[in-house]
Amino acid sequence: MSDSTPRKSDRKPYILLIVFAIVLVYLLAFSLVNTAQVSVSFVAFSTTTALIWVMIAAAGLGLVLGIVGVLMLGRRRHRN
């Protein structure tokens, strides 16, 4: 006797696909809304760019610094 209801493991790829699509649509809408030009001043120069690029750069820099911090903390704990 075969059960026609899908198992949880059969539904997981579809749920992940739906979540991915929702996140993708949200990110697209977010980037379209944040297209205003902003001025960014550095020590030696300044530039004008879209706000979304400033936000992506800041998030990327934060991610890299966070990973480096975690790796350094793990190395320090391992040594002690």
C-alpha atoms as a PDB file:
ATOM      1  CA  MET A   1       0.000   0.000   0.000  1.00  0.00           C
ATOM      2  CA  SER A   2       1.568   3.244  -1.139  1.00  0.00           C
ATOM      3  CA  ASP A   3       0.974   6.553   0.611  1.00  0.00           C
ATOM      4  CA  SER A   4       0.479   9.457  -1.810  1.00  0.00           C
ATOM      5  CA  THR A   5       1.360  12.238   0.665  1.00  0.00           C
ATOM      6  CA  PRO A   6       4.905  13.520   0.174  1.00  0.00           C
ATOM      7  CA  ARG A   7       7.398  12.941   2.940  1.00  0.00           C
ATOM      8  CA  LYS A   8       9.132  15.851   4.650  1.00  0.00           C
ATOM      9  CA  SER A   9      12.379  15.045   2.872  1.00  0.00           C
ATOM     10  CA  ASP A  10      10.564  15.310  -0.479  1.00  0.00           C
ATOM     11  CA  ARG A  11       9.231  18.790   0.350  1.00  0.00           C
ATOM     12  CA  LYS A  12      12.495  20.261   1.610  1.00  0.00           C
ATOM     13  CA  PRO A  13      13.930  21.253  -1.814  1.00  0.00           C
ATOM     14  CA  TYR A  14      10.685  23.024  -2.705  1.00  0.00           C
ATOM     15  CA  ILE A  15      10.616  24.924   0.588  1.00  0.00           C
ATOM     16  CA  LEU A  16      14.243  25.976   0.113  1.00  0.00           C
ATOM     17  CA  LEU A  17      13.474  27.094  -3.441  1.00  0.00           C
ATOM     18  CA  ILE A  18      10.522  29.188  -2.262  1.00  0.00           C
ATOM     19  CA  VAL A  19      12.576  30.787   0.530  1.00  0.00           C
ATOM     20  CA  PHE A  20      15.397  31.508  -1.941  1.00  0.00           C
ATOM     21  CA  ALA A  21      12.948  33.114  -4.385  1.00  0.00           C
ATOM     22  CA  ILE A  22      11.437  35.293  -1.645  1.00  0.00           C
ATOM     23  CA  VAL A  23      14.887  36.453  -0.498  1.00  0.00           C
ATOM     24  CA  LEU A  24      15.911  37.146  -4.093  1.00  0.00           C
ATOM     25  CA  VAL A  25      12.794  39.246  -4.752  1.00  0.00           C
ATOM     26  CA  TYR A  26      13.346  41.131  -1.478  1.00  0.00           C
ATOM     27  CA  LEU A  27      16.996  41.867  -2.351  1.00  0.00           C
ATOM     28  CA  LEU A  28      16.024  43.023  -5.835  1.00  0.00           C
ATOM     29  CA  ALA A  29      13.370  45.361  -4.434  1.00  0.00           C
ATOM     30  CA  PHE A  30      15.809  46.580  -1.766  1.00  0.00           C
ATOM     31  CA  SER A  31      18.455  47.414  -4.359  1.00  0.00           C
ATOM     32  CA  LEU A  32      15.945  49.182  -6.621  1.00  0.00           C
ATOM     33  CA  VAL A  33      14.718  51.352  -3.760  1.00  0.00           C
ATOM     34  CA  ASN A  34      18.227  52.349  -2.594  1.00  0.00           C
ATOM     35  CA  THR A  35      19.541  53.868  -5.820  1.00  0.00           C
ATOM     36  CA  ALA A  36      19.941  57.422  -4.504  1.00  0.00           C
ATOM     37  CA  GLN A  37      23.359  58.946  -5.101  1.00  0.00           C
ATOM     38  CA  VAL A  38      25.406  59.585  -1.945  1.00  0.00           C
ATOM     39  CA  SER A  39      28.766  61.233  -1.440  1.00  0.00           C
ATOM     40  CA  VAL A  40      31.392  59.126   0.336  1.00  0.00           C
ATOM     41  CA  SER A  41      34.455  60.887   1.732  1.00  0.00           C
ATOM     42  CA  PHE A  42      37.685  59.022   2.370  1.00  0.00           C
ATOM     43  CA  VAL A  43      40.906  60.491   3.782  1.00  0.00           C
ATOM     44  CA  ALA A  44      42.531  61.199   0.423  1.00  0.00           C
ATOM     45  CA  PHE A  45      39.492  61.556  -1.885  1.00  0.00           C
ATOM     46  CA  SER A  46      35.721  61.525  -2.121  1.00  0.00           C
ATOM     47  CA  THR A  47      33.348  59.942  -4.584  1.00  0.00           C
ATOM     48  CA  THR A  48      29.667  59.742  -5.401  1.00  0.00           C
ATOM     49  CA  THR A  49      27.943  56.385  -5.821  1.00  0.00           C
ATOM     50  CA  ALA A  50      24.590  54.676  -5.341  1.00  0.00           C
ATOM     51  CA  LEU A  51      23.604  54.036  -1.738  1.00  0.00           C
ATOM     52  CA  ILE A  52      23.171  50.305  -2.379  1.00  0.00           C
ATOM     53  CA  TRP A  53      26.880  49.960  -3.300  1.00  0.00           C
ATOM     54  CA  VAL A  54      27.927  51.707  -0.106  1.00  0.00           C
ATOM     55  CA  MET A  55      25.692  49.367   1.897  1.00  0.00           C
ATOM     56  CA  ILE A  56      27.008  46.265   0.099  1.00  0.00           C
ATOM     57  CA  ALA A  57      30.619  47.378   0.637  1.00  0.00           C
ATOM     58  CA  ALA A  58      29.977  48.048   4.327  1.00  0.00           C
ATOM     59  CA  ALA A  59      28.276  44.664   4.772  1.00  0.00           C
ATOM     60  CA  GLY A  60      31.111  42.888   2.945  1.00  0.00           C
ATOM     61  CA  LEU A  61      33.762  44.634   5.033  1.00  0.00           C
ATOM     62  CA  GLY A  62      31.866  43.772   8.212  1.00  0.00           C
ATOM     63  CA  LEU A  63      31.612  40.136   7.132  1.00  0.00           C
ATOM     64  CA  VAL A  64      35.337  39.899   6.386  1.00  0.00           C
ATOM     65  CA  LEU A  65      36.323  41.600   9.648  1.00  0.00           C
ATOM     66  CA  GLY A  66      33.921  39.348  11.577  1.00  0.00           C
ATOM     67  CA  ILE A  67      35.390  36.196  10.059  1.00  0.00           C
ATOM     68  CA  VAL A  68      38.948  37.380  10.746  1.00  0.00           C
ATOM     69  CA  GLY A  69      37.991  38.211  14.342  1.00  0.00           C
ATOM     70  CA  VAL A  70      36.430  34.799  14.913  1.00  0.00           C
ATOM     71  CA  LEU A  71      39.454  33.051  13.414  1.00  0.00           C
ATOM     72  CA  MET A  72      41.861  35.072  15.564  1.00  0.00           C
ATOM     73  CA  LEU A  73      39.814  34.412  18.698  1.00  0.00           C
ATOM     74  CA  GLY A  74      39.734  30.691  17.916  1.00  0.00           C
ATOM     75  CA  ARG A  75      43.481  30.617  17.417  1.00  0.00           C
ATOM     76  CA  ARG A  76      44.048  32.459  20.713  1.00  0.00           C
ATOM     77  CA  ARG A  77      41.786  30.075  22.620  1.00  0.00           C
ATOM     78  CA  HIS A  78      43.416  27.071  21.013  1.00  0.00           C
ATOM     79  CA  ARG A  79      46.868  28.279  22.028  1.00  0.00           C
ATOM     80  CA  ASN A  80      45.888  28.719  25.709  1.00  0.00           C
END
